[in-house]
Amino acid sequence: MRNFFYRISSALARFMYGRNGNDQLNLALLVVYVAVLFLQALLGRIYAARVVLEIITLVLAALVIFRSFSKNLTKRREENARFLNWWYPVKGRVSGARQRRKDRDHKYFTCKSCKTVCRVPVGKGKIEITCPKCGGKIIGKS
């Protein structure tokens, strides 16, 4: 039995050699696919919504399968790089905002000209902050 599974895994590895497989864009598409399936289950009684969501799920499933088995590695890597160039700043802003919300010892100010986030201890009263990047002045209450 062990030999059987080893042969299957070896055959699958040979088949996937030179193909794209899963990357971050494929995983994001799978997450969107599952979210649309969930939405489809919620709106299942509405005929028009169900039809549109079924079409979207079919397109997403076809796109995931196409990207996984594609042998055009340069194109798939370019697509993944474009996605990551968009995704990492979004992810950084969300995780940074979450960390700032948890921090009770500091107050955060954003510079209006260069969008730099400046951190100041809480309880200092009305203060004037000089932006370390552009030298702009920020007046606020900590």
N, C-alpha and C. Protein backbone atom coordinates (compact mmCIF):
# COMPACT_ATOMS: atom_id res chain seq x y z
N MET A 1 0.83 -1.19 0.00
CA MET A 1 0.00 0.00 0.00
C MET A 1 0.87 1.25 0.00
N ARG A 2 1.95 1.22 0.77
CA ARG A 2 2.85 2.36 0.83
C ARG A 2 3.48 2.61 -0.54
N ASN A 3 3.83 1.55 -1.23
CA ASN A 3 4.43 1.67 -2.55
C ASN A 3 3.46 2.31 -3.53
N PHE A 4 2.18 2.00 -3.39
CA PHE A 4 1.15 2.56 -4.27
C PHE A 4 1.09 4.08 -4.11
N PHE A 5 1.04 4.58 -2.87
CA PHE A 5 0.97 6.02 -2.63
C PHE A 5 2.25 6.72 -3.07
N TYR A 6 3.38 6.06 -2.90
CA TYR A 6 4.65 6.63 -3.35
C TYR A 6 4.66 6.78 -4.87
N ARG A 7 4.15 5.77 -5.58
CA ARG A 7 4.10 5.85 -7.05
C ARG A 7 3.16 6.96 -7.50
N ILE A 8 2.03 7.11 -6.80
CA ILE A 8 1.07 8.18 -7.14
C ILE A 8 1.72 9.55 -6.91
N SER A 9 2.38 9.73 -5.77
CA SER A 9 3.00 11.03 -5.48
C SER A 9 4.14 11.32 -6.46
N SER A 10 4.89 10.29 -6.85
CA SER A 10 5.96 10.48 -7.84
C SER A 10 5.38 10.85 -9.21
N ALA A 11 4.29 10.22 -9.59
CA ALA A 11 3.65 10.55 -10.87
C ALA A 11 3.11 11.98 -10.85
N LEU A 12 2.53 12.39 -9.74
CA LEU A 12 2.04 13.76 -9.62
C LEU A 12 3.19 14.76 -9.67
N ALA A 13 4.30 14.44 -9.02
CA ALA A 13 5.46 15.33 -9.06
C ALA A 13 6.01 15.45 -10.48
N ARG A 14 6.06 14.33 -11.21
CA ARG A 14 6.52 14.39 -12.61
C ARG A 14 5.57 15.21 -13.46
N PHE A 15 4.26 15.06 -13.23
CA PHE A 15 3.28 15.82 -14.00
C PHE A 15 3.42 17.32 -13.74
N MET A 16 3.65 17.70 -12.48
CA MET A 16 3.72 19.11 -12.13
C MET A 16 5.07 19.75 -12.44
N TYR A 17 6.05 18.96 -12.83
CA TYR A 17 7.37 19.51 -13.14
C TYR A 17 7.26 20.50 -14.31
N GLY A 18 7.76 21.71 -14.13
CA GLY A 18 7.71 22.73 -15.17
C GLY A 18 6.40 23.50 -15.19
N ARG A 19 5.53 23.24 -14.24
CA ARG A 19 4.26 23.96 -14.17
C ARG A 19 4.31 24.93 -13.00
N ASN A 20 3.36 25.86 -12.98
CA ASN A 20 3.38 26.93 -12.00
C ASN A 20 3.06 26.46 -10.59
N GLY A 21 2.03 25.66 -10.41
CA GLY A 21 1.63 25.26 -9.06
C GLY A 21 0.90 26.40 -8.36
N ASN A 22 0.91 26.38 -7.05
CA ASN A 22 0.21 27.42 -6.28
C ASN A 22 1.19 28.50 -5.84
N ASP A 23 0.77 29.74 -5.95
CA ASP A 23 1.53 30.87 -5.43
C ASP A 23 0.57 31.75 -4.64
N GLN A 24 1.02 32.92 -4.23
CA GLN A 24 0.20 33.79 -3.39
C GLN A 24 -1.05 34.26 -4.11
N LEU A 25 -0.95 34.56 -5.40
CA LEU A 25 -2.12 35.00 -6.16
C LEU A 25 -3.16 33.89 -6.24
N ASN A 26 -2.71 32.66 -6.45
CA ASN A 26 -3.66 31.54 -6.49
C ASN A 26 -4.35 31.35 -5.13
N LEU A 27 -3.59 31.50 -4.06
CA LEU A 27 -4.21 31.37 -2.73
C LEU A 27 -5.23 32.48 -2.50
N ALA A 28 -4.91 33.70 -2.94
CA ALA A 28 -5.87 34.81 -2.79
C ALA A 28 -7.12 34.54 -3.64
N LEU A 29 -6.94 34.01 -4.84
CA LEU A 29 -8.09 33.69 -5.68
C LEU A 29 -8.94 32.59 -5.04
N LEU A 30 -8.29 31.63 -4.39
CA LEU A 30 -9.04 30.59 -3.68
C LEU A 30 -9.84 31.17 -2.52
N VAL A 31 -9.26 32.13 -1.80
CA VAL A 31 -9.99 32.77 -0.70
C VAL A 31 -11.20 33.52 -1.24
N VAL A 32 -11.03 34.23 -2.34
CA VAL A 32 -12.15 34.95 -2.96
C VAL A 32 -13.20 33.95 -3.44
N TYR A 33 -12.76 32.83 -3.99
CA TYR A 33 -13.67 31.79 -4.45
C TYR A 33 -14.53 31.27 -3.30
N VAL A 34 -13.90 30.99 -2.16
CA VAL A 34 -14.65 30.48 -0.99
C VAL A 34 -15.61 31.56 -0.48
N ALA A 35 -15.17 32.82 -0.49
CA ALA A 35 -16.04 33.90 -0.04
C ALA A 35 -17.26 34.04 -0.95
N VAL A 36 -17.05 33.91 -2.26
CA VAL A 36 -18.17 33.99 -3.20
C VAL A 36 -19.10 32.80 -3.03
N LEU A 37 -18.55 31.61 -2.77
CA LEU A 37 -19.39 30.45 -2.51
C LEU A 37 -20.25 30.66 -1.27
N PHE A 38 -19.67 31.24 -0.23
CA PHE A 38 -20.41 31.53 0.99
C PHE A 38 -21.52 32.55 0.71
N LEU A 39 -21.19 33.58 -0.06
CA LEU A 39 -22.18 34.59 -0.44
C LEU A 39 -23.29 33.97 -1.27
N GLN A 40 -22.91 33.05 -2.14
CA GLN A 40 -23.88 32.35 -2.97
C GLN A 40 -24.83 31.53 -2.10
N ALA A 41 -24.32 30.91 -1.04
CA ALA A 41 -25.18 30.15 -0.14
C ALA A 41 -26.15 31.07 0.61
N LEU A 42 -25.68 32.27 0.95
CA LEU A 42 -26.55 33.22 1.65
C LEU A 42 -27.64 33.78 0.75
N LEU A 43 -27.28 34.06 -0.51
CA LEU A 43 -28.23 34.68 -1.45
C LEU A 43 -28.82 33.66 -2.42
N GLY A 44 -28.90 32.41 -2.01
CA GLY A 44 -29.34 31.34 -2.90
C GLY A 44 -30.76 31.46 -3.39
N ARG A 45 -31.61 32.12 -2.66
CA ARG A 45 -33.01 32.24 -3.06
C ARG A 45 -33.24 33.28 -4.15
N ILE A 46 -32.35 34.23 -4.25
CA ILE A 46 -32.49 35.28 -5.27
C ILE A 46 -31.88 34.75 -6.57
N TYR A 47 -32.72 34.57 -7.58
CA TYR A 47 -32.29 33.89 -8.81
C TYR A 47 -31.19 34.66 -9.53
N ALA A 48 -31.35 35.95 -9.72
CA ALA A 48 -30.37 36.74 -10.47
C ALA A 48 -29.02 36.74 -9.76
N ALA A 49 -29.04 36.91 -8.46
CA ALA A 49 -27.79 36.91 -7.69
C ALA A 49 -27.12 35.54 -7.77
N ARG A 50 -27.93 34.48 -7.70
CA ARG A 50 -27.36 33.13 -7.76
C ARG A 50 -26.68 32.87 -9.09
N VAL A 51 -27.30 33.31 -10.17
CA VAL A 51 -26.72 33.09 -11.50
C VAL A 51 -25.42 33.85 -11.66
N VAL A 52 -25.41 35.10 -11.23
CA VAL A 52 -24.19 35.91 -11.35
C VAL A 52 -23.08 35.32 -10.49
N LEU A 53 -23.41 34.91 -9.28
CA LEU A 53 -22.39 34.34 -8.40
C LEU A 53 -21.89 32.99 -8.91
N GLU A 54 -22.76 32.20 -9.54
CA GLU A 54 -22.31 30.94 -10.14
C GLU A 54 -21.32 31.18 -11.27
N ILE A 55 -21.60 32.19 -12.07
CA ILE A 55 -20.67 32.54 -13.17
C ILE A 55 -19.33 32.99 -12.59
N ILE A 56 -19.38 33.80 -11.54
CA ILE A 56 -18.13 34.28 -10.92
C ILE A 56 -17.35 33.10 -10.34
N THR A 57 -18.03 32.16 -9.68
CA THR A 57 -17.32 31.01 -9.12
C THR A 57 -16.71 30.14 -10.21
N LEU A 58 -17.42 29.97 -11.31
CA LEU A 58 -16.85 29.19 -12.42
C LEU A 58 -15.61 29.85 -13.01
N VAL A 59 -15.68 31.17 -13.18
CA VAL A 59 -14.52 31.90 -13.72
C VAL A 59 -13.35 31.81 -12.76
N LEU A 60 -13.61 31.99 -11.46
CA LEU A 60 -12.52 31.91 -10.48
C LEU A 60 -11.91 30.51 -10.44
N ALA A 61 -12.75 29.47 -10.46
CA ALA A 61 -12.24 28.10 -10.44
C ALA A 61 -11.40 27.82 -11.69
N ALA A 62 -11.87 28.26 -12.85
CA ALA A 62 -11.12 28.06 -14.09
C ALA A 62 -9.79 28.81 -14.04
N LEU A 63 -9.81 30.01 -13.48
CA LEU A 63 -8.58 30.81 -13.40
C LEU A 63 -7.56 30.15 -12.46
N VAL A 64 -8.02 29.63 -11.34
CA VAL A 64 -7.11 28.95 -10.40
C VAL A 64 -6.51 27.71 -11.04
N ILE A 65 -7.34 26.92 -11.70
CA ILE A 65 -6.84 25.70 -12.36
C ILE A 65 -5.88 26.05 -13.49
N PHE A 66 -6.24 27.05 -14.29
CA PHE A 66 -5.37 27.47 -15.39
C PHE A 66 -4.01 27.93 -14.87
N ARG A 67 -4.01 28.77 -13.82
CA ARG A 67 -2.76 29.29 -13.28
C ARG A 67 -1.92 28.17 -12.65
N SER A 68 -2.57 27.19 -12.03
CA SER A 68 -1.84 26.11 -11.37
C SER A 68 -1.12 25.22 -12.38
N PHE A 69 -1.78 24.93 -13.49
CA PHE A 69 -1.22 24.00 -14.45
C PHE A 69 -0.50 24.67 -15.61
N SER A 70 -0.38 25.98 -15.59
CA SER A 70 0.25 26.71 -16.68
C SER A 70 1.75 26.41 -16.73
N LYS A 71 2.26 26.28 -17.95
CA LYS A 71 3.69 26.08 -18.14
C LYS A 71 4.41 27.38 -18.49
N ASN A 72 3.66 28.46 -18.66
CA ASN A 72 4.25 29.76 -18.96
C ASN A 72 4.65 30.42 -17.64
N LEU A 73 5.78 30.00 -17.10
CA LEU A 73 6.19 30.43 -15.76
C LEU A 73 6.49 31.92 -15.69
N THR A 74 7.06 32.48 -16.75
CA THR A 74 7.41 33.91 -16.69
C THR A 74 6.16 34.77 -16.57
N LYS A 75 5.12 34.45 -17.33
CA LYS A 75 3.87 35.21 -17.24
C LYS A 75 3.23 35.08 -15.87
N ARG A 76 3.17 33.85 -15.33
CA ARG A 76 2.55 33.64 -14.03
C ARG A 76 3.34 34.33 -12.92
N ARG A 77 4.67 34.35 -13.04
CA ARG A 77 5.48 35.05 -12.04
C ARG A 77 5.28 36.56 -12.12
N GLU A 78 5.13 37.08 -13.33
CA GLU A 78 4.84 38.52 -13.48
C GLU A 78 3.49 38.87 -12.85
N GLU A 79 2.48 38.03 -13.09
CA GLU A 79 1.16 38.26 -12.50
C GLU A 79 1.24 38.23 -10.97
N ASN A 80 1.97 37.25 -10.44
CA ASN A 80 2.11 37.14 -8.99
C ASN A 80 2.87 38.34 -8.43
N ALA A 81 3.90 38.80 -9.13
CA ALA A 81 4.67 39.95 -8.66
C ALA A 81 3.81 41.22 -8.65
N ARG A 82 2.98 41.40 -9.69
CA ARG A 82 2.08 42.57 -9.70
C ARG A 82 1.09 42.49 -8.55
N PHE A 83 0.57 41.30 -8.28
CA PHE A 83 -0.35 41.13 -7.16
C PHE A 83 0.35 41.45 -5.84
N LEU A 84 1.56 40.94 -5.64
CA LEU A 84 2.28 41.17 -4.39
C LEU A 84 2.65 42.64 -4.23
N ASN A 85 2.98 43.33 -5.32
CA ASN A 85 3.27 44.77 -5.24
C ASN A 85 2.04 45.54 -4.80
N TRP A 86 0.86 45.06 -5.12
CA TRP A 86 -0.37 45.69 -4.65
C TRP A 86 -0.69 45.24 -3.23
N TRP A 87 -0.50 43.95 -2.92
CA TRP A 87 -0.97 43.37 -1.67
C TRP A 87 -0.13 43.76 -0.46
N TYR A 88 1.20 43.76 -0.58
CA TYR A 88 2.04 44.02 0.59
C TYR A 88 1.80 45.39 1.23
N PRO A 89 1.65 46.48 0.46
CA PRO A 89 1.32 47.75 1.12
C PRO A 89 -0.04 47.73 1.82
N VAL A 90 -1.02 47.07 1.22
CA VAL A 90 -2.34 46.97 1.85
C VAL A 90 -2.22 46.18 3.16
N LYS A 91 -1.53 45.07 3.11
CA LYS A 91 -1.35 44.23 4.29
C LYS A 91 -0.59 45.00 5.38
N GLY A 92 0.42 45.76 4.99
CA GLY A 92 1.19 46.54 5.95
C GLY A 92 0.36 47.62 6.63
N ARG A 93 -0.49 48.30 5.85
CA ARG A 93 -1.35 49.33 6.43
C ARG A 93 -2.34 48.72 7.42
N VAL A 94 -2.90 47.58 7.07
CA VAL A 94 -3.89 46.95 7.95
C VAL A 94 -3.22 46.46 9.24
N SER A 95 -2.08 45.79 9.12
CA SER A 95 -1.42 45.28 10.33
C SER A 95 -0.85 46.43 11.16
N GLY A 96 -0.38 47.50 10.52
CA GLY A 96 0.11 48.66 11.26
C GLY A 96 -1.01 49.35 12.01
N ALA A 97 -2.18 49.48 11.39
CA ALA A 97 -3.33 50.10 12.05
C ALA A 97 -3.76 49.25 13.23
N ARG A 98 -3.71 47.94 13.09
CA ARG A 98 -4.09 47.04 14.19
C ARG A 98 -3.13 47.21 15.36
N GLN A 99 -1.83 47.31 15.07
CA GLN A 99 -0.84 47.50 16.14
C GLN A 99 -1.02 48.85 16.82
N ARG A 100 -1.31 49.89 16.03
CA ARG A 100 -1.50 51.22 16.62
C ARG A 100 -2.74 51.25 17.51
N ARG A 101 -3.78 50.53 17.13
CA ARG A 101 -4.98 50.48 17.97
C ARG A 101 -4.72 49.78 19.30
N LYS A 102 -3.86 48.79 19.29
CA LYS A 102 -3.55 48.06 20.52
C LYS A 102 -2.64 48.86 21.45
N ASP A 103 -1.85 49.78 20.91
CA ASP A 103 -0.88 50.53 21.70
C ASP A 103 -1.58 51.61 22.50
N ARG A 104 -1.65 51.44 23.82
CA ARG A 104 -2.32 52.41 24.71
C ARG A 104 -1.33 53.43 25.28
N ASP A 105 -0.04 53.22 25.10
CA ASP A 105 0.96 54.11 25.69
C ASP A 105 1.38 55.24 24.76
N HIS A 106 0.95 55.19 23.50
CA HIS A 106 1.37 56.20 22.53
C HIS A 106 0.18 56.70 21.72
N LYS A 107 0.32 57.92 21.24
CA LYS A 107 -0.66 58.53 20.34
C LYS A 107 0.05 58.67 18.98
N TYR A 108 -0.67 58.41 17.91
CA TYR A 108 -0.08 58.45 16.58
C TYR A 108 -0.65 59.61 15.78
N PHE A 109 0.24 60.36 15.15
CA PHE A 109 -0.13 61.47 14.29
C PHE A 109 0.42 61.20 12.90
N THR A 110 -0.33 61.61 11.87
CA THR A 110 0.10 61.44 10.49
C THR A 110 0.42 62.81 9.90
N CYS A 111 1.60 62.92 9.31
CA CYS A 111 2.01 64.16 8.67
C CYS A 111 1.15 64.38 7.43
N LYS A 112 0.65 65.60 7.28
CA LYS A 112 -0.24 65.89 6.16
C LYS A 112 0.49 65.93 4.82
N SER A 113 1.77 66.31 4.82
CA SER A 113 2.47 66.46 3.55
C SER A 113 3.08 65.15 3.05
N CYS A 114 3.70 64.36 3.94
CA CYS A 114 4.39 63.16 3.46
C CYS A 114 3.77 61.86 3.96
N LYS A 115 2.70 61.95 4.75
CA LYS A 115 1.95 60.78 5.25
C LYS A 115 2.77 59.89 6.18
N THR A 116 3.81 60.43 6.80
CA THR A 116 4.59 59.67 7.77
C THR A 116 3.83 59.59 9.08
N VAL A 117 3.85 58.44 9.72
CA VAL A 117 3.18 58.25 11.00
C VAL A 117 4.19 58.54 12.11
N CYS A 118 3.86 59.49 12.99
CA CYS A 118 4.74 59.88 14.09
C CYS A 118 4.13 59.41 15.40
N ARG A 119 4.96 58.85 16.29
CA ARG A 119 4.48 58.30 17.55
C ARG A 119 4.93 59.19 18.70
N VAL A 120 3.98 59.51 19.60
CA VAL A 120 4.24 60.39 20.73
C VAL A 120 3.67 59.72 21.99
N PRO A 121 4.36 59.83 23.15
CA PRO A 121 3.79 59.26 24.38
C PRO A 121 2.48 59.96 24.76
N VAL A 122 1.58 59.20 25.35
CA VAL A 122 0.28 59.73 25.77
C VAL A 122 0.47 60.56 27.04
N GLY A 123 -0.35 61.62 27.21
CA GLY A 123 -0.37 62.39 28.44
C GLY A 123 0.57 63.58 28.47
N LYS A 124 1.05 64.05 27.33
CA LYS A 124 1.95 65.19 27.29
C LYS A 124 1.22 66.51 27.04
N GLY A 125 -0.10 66.46 26.88
CA GLY A 125 -0.87 67.68 26.64
C GLY A 125 -0.80 68.11 25.19
N LYS A 126 -1.02 69.40 24.95
CA LYS A 126 -0.98 69.94 23.58
C LYS A 126 0.49 70.11 23.18
N ILE A 127 0.86 69.47 22.06
CA ILE A 127 2.26 69.49 21.64
C ILE A 127 2.37 69.82 20.17
N GLU A 128 3.57 70.24 19.78
CA GLU A 128 3.89 70.48 18.37
C GLU A 128 4.98 69.48 17.99
N ILE A 129 4.69 68.68 16.98
CA ILE A 129 5.60 67.63 16.55
C ILE A 129 6.23 68.04 15.24
N THR A 130 7.52 67.83 15.11
CA THR A 130 8.21 68.07 13.85
C THR A 130 8.38 66.72 13.15
N CYS A 131 7.91 66.63 11.91
CA CYS A 131 8.00 65.39 11.16
C CYS A 131 9.47 65.07 10.89
N PRO A 132 9.92 63.86 11.20
CA PRO A 132 11.32 63.52 10.99
C PRO A 132 11.70 63.39 9.52
N LYS A 133 10.73 63.18 8.66
CA LYS A 133 11.02 62.97 7.25
C LYS A 133 11.06 64.28 6.47
N CYS A 134 10.01 65.12 6.63
CA CYS A 134 9.92 66.32 5.81
C CYS A 134 10.09 67.62 6.61
N GLY A 135 10.08 67.54 7.94
CA GLY A 135 10.24 68.74 8.75
C GLY A 135 8.94 69.52 8.96
N GLY A 136 7.82 69.01 8.53
CA GLY A 136 6.54 69.67 8.71
C GLY A 136 6.11 69.67 10.17
N LYS A 137 5.26 70.62 10.52
CA LYS A 137 4.80 70.74 11.90
C LYS A 137 3.41 70.13 12.04
N ILE A 138 3.24 69.39 13.13
CA ILE A 138 1.94 68.78 13.46
C ILE A 138 1.59 69.25 14.87
N ILE A 139 0.45 69.86 15.03
CA ILE A 139 0.00 70.30 16.35
C ILE A 139 -1.16 69.41 16.76
N GLY A 140 -1.05 68.83 17.95
CA GLY A 140 -2.10 67.95 18.42
C GLY A 140 -2.03 67.74 19.91
N LYS A 141 -3.02 67.09 20.45
CA LYS A 141 -3.09 66.80 21.86
C LYS A 141 -2.81 65.31 22.08
N SER A 142 -1.86 65.04 22.94
CA SER A 142 -1.55 63.63 23.20
C SER A 142 -2.29 63.21 24.45
